[in-house]
Amino acid sequence: MSADYFVSDQGAIERLGKRFEQAASDLESRISSFLSRADEIEDGFGVLTESQEALQAYNETLSNMVETLRALRSHLDEVGQALATSAKNYATSEESVTGLFGGTE
């Protein structure tokens, strides 16, 4: 690419955006799957499951982790949507500039 002009590949940007959105969807699925098993801690901690303090610490850590993962999922989805918008805006801009100069690509 020459330093004299800027080129964007809308298709590549759209594909990247879809990959981010798919990663967000996959992460949400994994979070849901994990949460369905997260309460099954009886065998995992042995006698610690009888300790309310240990159980409370576990539940707080679990809650914080899920909140953080869901924030990540949301961010991935937002990036994917922003990339899709960027690709659309590049295409619209390209069409507009082409129309101004009466040319074709």
Protein backbone atom coordinates (compact mmCIF):
# COMPACT_ATOMS: atom_id res chain seq x y z
CA MET A 1 0.00 0.00 0.00
CA SER A 2 1.31 3.42 -0.94
CA ALA A 3 1.60 6.14 1.68
CA ASP A 4 -0.31 8.47 -0.69
CA TYR A 5 -3.77 7.03 -0.03
CA PHE A 6 -5.82 4.95 2.36
CA VAL A 7 -7.51 1.67 1.48
CA SER A 8 -9.86 -0.38 3.62
CA ASP A 9 -11.07 -3.90 3.05
CA GLN A 10 -14.70 -3.81 4.18
CA GLY A 11 -15.05 -7.58 3.84
CA ALA A 12 -12.08 -8.20 6.12
CA ILE A 13 -13.39 -5.70 8.66
CA GLU A 14 -16.84 -7.35 8.60
CA ARG A 15 -15.31 -10.82 9.03
CA LEU A 16 -13.26 -9.62 11.99
CA GLY A 17 -16.36 -8.06 13.53
CA LYS A 18 -18.24 -11.34 13.17
CA ARG A 19 -15.36 -13.19 14.83
CA PHE A 20 -15.60 -10.84 17.83
CA GLU A 21 -19.36 -11.33 18.01
CA GLN A 22 -18.94 -15.11 17.77
CA ALA A 23 -16.33 -15.04 20.53
CA ALA A 24 -18.80 -13.11 22.70
CA SER A 25 -21.52 -15.67 22.01
CA ASP A 26 -19.17 -18.58 22.72
CA LEU A 27 -18.07 -16.97 25.98
CA GLU A 28 -21.66 -16.51 27.14
CA SER A 29 -22.38 -20.15 26.36
CA ARG A 30 -19.35 -21.26 28.37
CA ILE A 31 -20.32 -19.00 31.29
CA SER A 32 -23.81 -20.53 31.35
CA SER A 33 -22.39 -24.04 31.18
CA PHE A 34 -19.95 -23.30 33.99
CA LEU A 35 -22.66 -21.76 36.18
CA SER A 36 -24.83 -24.84 35.82
CA ARG A 37 -22.07 -26.82 37.57
CA ALA A 38 -20.54 -24.16 39.83
CA ASP A 39 -22.75 -24.97 42.81
CA GLU A 40 -21.67 -28.61 42.84
CA ILE A 41 -18.87 -28.07 45.34
CA GLU A 42 -19.61 -30.71 47.98
CA ASP A 43 -16.93 -33.14 46.84
CA GLY A 44 -14.48 -30.51 45.68
CA PHE A 45 -13.86 -28.88 49.05
CA GLY A 46 -14.48 -31.77 51.42
CA VAL A 47 -14.98 -30.47 54.95
CA LEU A 48 -14.59 -26.87 53.78
CA THR A 49 -18.10 -26.97 52.36
CA GLU A 50 -19.35 -27.03 55.93
CA SER A 51 -17.55 -23.75 56.63
CA GLN A 52 -19.88 -20.85 55.95
CA GLU A 53 -16.89 -18.50 55.60
CA ALA A 54 -15.23 -20.66 52.96
CA LEU A 55 -18.52 -21.10 51.14
CA GLN A 56 -19.21 -17.36 51.25
CA ALA A 57 -15.71 -16.58 49.92
CA TYR A 58 -16.24 -19.10 47.12
CA ASN A 59 -19.61 -17.62 46.20
CA GLU A 60 -18.22 -14.06 46.22
CA THR A 61 -15.30 -15.09 44.03
CA LEU A 62 -17.66 -16.92 41.70
CA SER A 63 -19.95 -13.91 41.45
CA ASN A 64 -17.04 -11.54 40.75
CA MET A 65 -15.61 -13.85 38.12
CA VAL A 66 -18.93 -14.21 36.31
CA GLU A 67 -19.48 -10.44 36.42
CA THR A 68 -16.02 -9.87 34.92
CA LEU A 69 -16.51 -12.50 32.22
CA ARG A 70 -19.88 -11.02 31.28
CA ALA A 71 -18.27 -7.58 31.03
CA LEU A 72 -15.68 -9.11 28.69
CA ARG A 73 -18.45 -10.72 26.64
CA SER A 74 -20.21 -7.38 26.37
CA HIS A 75 -16.99 -5.66 25.31
CA LEU A 76 -16.29 -8.30 22.64
CA ASP A 77 -19.81 -7.86 21.30
CA GLU A 78 -19.45 -4.06 21.26
CA VAL A 79 -16.14 -4.29 19.38
CA GLY A 80 -17.75 -6.63 16.84
CA GLN A 81 -20.63 -4.22 16.32
CA ALA A 82 -18.26 -1.25 16.03
CA LEU A 83 -16.27 -3.07 13.37
CA ALA A 84 -19.45 -3.85 11.43
CA THR A 85 -20.44 -0.18 11.64
CA SER A 86 -16.96 0.88 10.50
CA ALA A 87 -17.11 -1.42 7.49
CA LYS A 88 -20.54 -0.06 6.57
CA ASN A 89 -19.34 3.53 6.99
CA TYR A 90 -16.26 2.89 4.83
CA ALA A 91 -18.48 1.50 2.08
CA THR A 92 -20.89 4.44 2.32
CA SER A 93 -18.01 6.92 2.25
CA GLU A 94 -16.42 5.19 -0.72
CA GLU A 95 -19.70 5.30 -2.65
CA SER A 96 -20.14 8.97 -1.81
CA VAL A 97 -16.63 9.93 -2.91
CA THR A 98 -16.97 7.87 -6.08
CA GLY A 99 -20.24 9.66 -6.81
CA LEU A 100 -18.66 13.06 -6.24
CA PHE A 101 -15.96 12.41 -8.77
CA GLY A 102 -18.24 10.59 -11.19
CA GLY A 103 -15.97 7.58 -11.32
CA THR A 104 -16.29 3.91 -10.77
CA GLU A 105 -14.09 1.69 -8.71
